[in-house]
Each structure stands twice: as structure tokens, then as C-alpha cells.
Amino acid sequence: MQKANQIQLEIIDMIKSISDLDRLLDIHSSLQTKPQKLPSPAFEEAITEIRSGVTFEQELSNQKYVPITYDQFGAIAEKIQWEQSLDDLLAVL
């Protein structure tokens, strides 16, 4: 808890040193508004608890895994509209 008190005191000292009224009004306004909860990144939705005794097949079933062939992948990739050519992208490397 000491760290929280220390941070509070540092914030108070910083605010006391501000003389710009507009900046103080912005700080006041931001402190009065309820902070918005940021949406969690999409990858966090895929995180699950570690389980033991689960077979590979069960895990694939739980993930609703559907394999695709190289040709299917190629067909999907062909539909992508790239902004740059492959040669341009390789030249960057």
C-alpha cells in the first residue's frame, strides 16, 4: 500500500506545479469521468486453463479444428489483395 500512497503524493505534487488553467481543467475532467474498460485483445479469448489427461484428439475437437489442404489455403491466399508485390516485400528484407 505504501507504493499507492507514494504515487498519490507524486501526482499531487505534479498537479500543484501546473499553472495552466486549461491543462488543470483537462485533468479535472478526466478524473471525473469513469474510465472505460478497454476490450481485451482477441487472443485472450482463446486462453484456457491448462488441463491434464486430455488427448490430442479431444483437444482438436474442443478447438473445433478443421484442417485444410495446401490447395485450399492457396485459393484463399490468392483472393487477398496485396498492396505491394512479393518482390517489393522481399526487397524490404
Protein backbone atom coordinates (compact mmCIF):
# COMPACT_ATOMS: atom_id res chain seq x y z
CA MET A 1 0.00 0.00 0.00
CA GLN A 2 2.98 2.28 0.53
CA LYS A 3 3.55 2.39 -3.22
CA ALA A 4 -0.01 3.60 -3.88
CA ASN A 5 0.39 6.37 -1.29
CA GLN A 6 3.69 7.37 -2.83
CA ILE A 7 2.15 7.59 -6.29
CA GLN A 8 -0.74 9.66 -4.94
CA LEU A 9 1.67 12.13 -3.35
CA GLU A 10 3.69 12.38 -6.56
CA ILE A 11 0.52 13.09 -8.55
CA ILE A 12 -0.50 15.77 -6.06
CA ASP A 13 2.93 17.40 -6.34
CA MET A 14 2.74 17.34 -10.15
CA ILE A 15 -0.73 18.88 -10.13
CA LYS A 16 0.37 21.59 -7.69
CA SER A 17 3.13 22.59 -10.09
CA ILE A 18 0.70 23.12 -13.01
CA SER A 19 -0.39 26.72 -13.50
CA ASP A 20 -2.07 26.33 -16.92
CA LEU A 21 -5.81 26.55 -16.30
CA ASP A 22 -6.76 24.61 -19.46
CA ARG A 23 -4.47 21.75 -18.51
CA LEU A 24 -5.89 21.68 -14.99
CA LEU A 25 -9.44 21.63 -16.39
CA ASP A 26 -8.50 18.71 -18.67
CA ILE A 27 -7.06 16.78 -15.72
CA HIS A 28 -10.12 17.58 -13.62
CA SER A 29 -12.46 16.43 -16.36
CA SER A 30 -10.56 13.20 -16.96
CA LEU A 31 -10.58 12.40 -13.24
CA GLN A 32 -14.34 12.90 -13.02
CA THR A 33 -15.22 10.66 -15.95
CA LYS A 34 -15.47 6.95 -15.33
CA PRO A 35 -12.60 5.16 -17.06
CA GLN A 36 -13.69 2.96 -19.93
CA LYS A 37 -12.77 -0.67 -19.74
CA LEU A 38 -10.61 -1.48 -22.72
CA PRO A 39 -11.67 -4.51 -24.72
CA SER A 40 -9.41 -7.47 -24.21
CA PRO A 41 -7.29 -8.45 -27.19
CA ALA A 42 -8.82 -11.21 -29.31
CA PHE A 43 -6.06 -13.68 -28.46
CA GLU A 44 -7.01 -13.52 -24.77
CA GLU A 45 -10.38 -15.08 -25.61
CA ALA A 46 -8.55 -18.21 -26.76
CA ILE A 47 -6.67 -18.67 -23.50
CA THR A 48 -7.96 -21.57 -21.43
CA GLU A 49 -6.86 -23.31 -18.28
CA ILE A 50 -4.22 -25.99 -18.54
CA ARG A 51 -5.78 -29.44 -18.32
CA SER A 52 -4.08 -32.74 -17.80
CA GLY A 53 -5.12 -36.11 -19.15
CA VAL A 54 -6.52 -34.69 -22.39
CA THR A 55 -5.77 -36.47 -25.63
CA PHE A 56 -4.68 -34.71 -28.79
CA GLU A 57 -7.95 -35.71 -30.48
CA GLN A 58 -10.01 -34.25 -27.62
CA GLU A 59 -8.08 -31.00 -27.84
CA LEU A 60 -8.65 -30.77 -31.59
CA SER A 61 -12.35 -31.39 -31.02
CA ASN A 62 -12.53 -28.70 -28.32
CA GLN A 63 -10.88 -26.20 -30.63
CA LYS A 64 -13.23 -27.08 -33.49
CA TYR A 65 -10.14 -27.61 -35.63
CA VAL A 66 -10.84 -28.17 -39.30
CA PRO A 67 -7.77 -28.96 -41.40
CA ILE A 68 -7.42 -27.52 -44.89
CA THR A 69 -5.23 -28.64 -47.74
CA TYR A 70 -2.42 -26.65 -49.27
CA ASP A 71 -4.59 -26.07 -52.35
CA GLN A 72 -7.44 -24.71 -50.23
CA PHE A 73 -5.02 -22.41 -48.43
CA GLY A 74 -3.60 -21.28 -51.78
CA ALA A 75 -7.08 -20.48 -53.09
CA ILE A 76 -7.78 -18.32 -50.02
CA ALA A 77 -4.41 -16.59 -50.29
CA GLU A 78 -4.97 -15.83 -53.99
CA LYS A 79 -8.08 -13.78 -53.07
CA ILE A 80 -6.07 -11.42 -50.86
CA GLN A 81 -5.50 -8.05 -52.47
CA TRP A 82 -1.90 -7.18 -51.59
CA GLU A 83 -0.91 -3.52 -51.67
CA GLN A 84 2.64 -4.44 -52.67
CA SER A 85 4.11 -7.14 -54.84
CA LEU A 86 6.03 -10.05 -53.39
CA ASP A 87 9.21 -8.62 -54.95
CA ASP A 88 8.63 -5.29 -53.15
CA LEU A 89 8.09 -7.05 -49.83
CA LEU A 90 11.22 -9.18 -50.29
CA ALA A 91 13.25 -6.12 -51.22
CA VAL A 92 12.44 -4.61 -47.81
CA LEU A 93 14.12 -7.57 -46.16
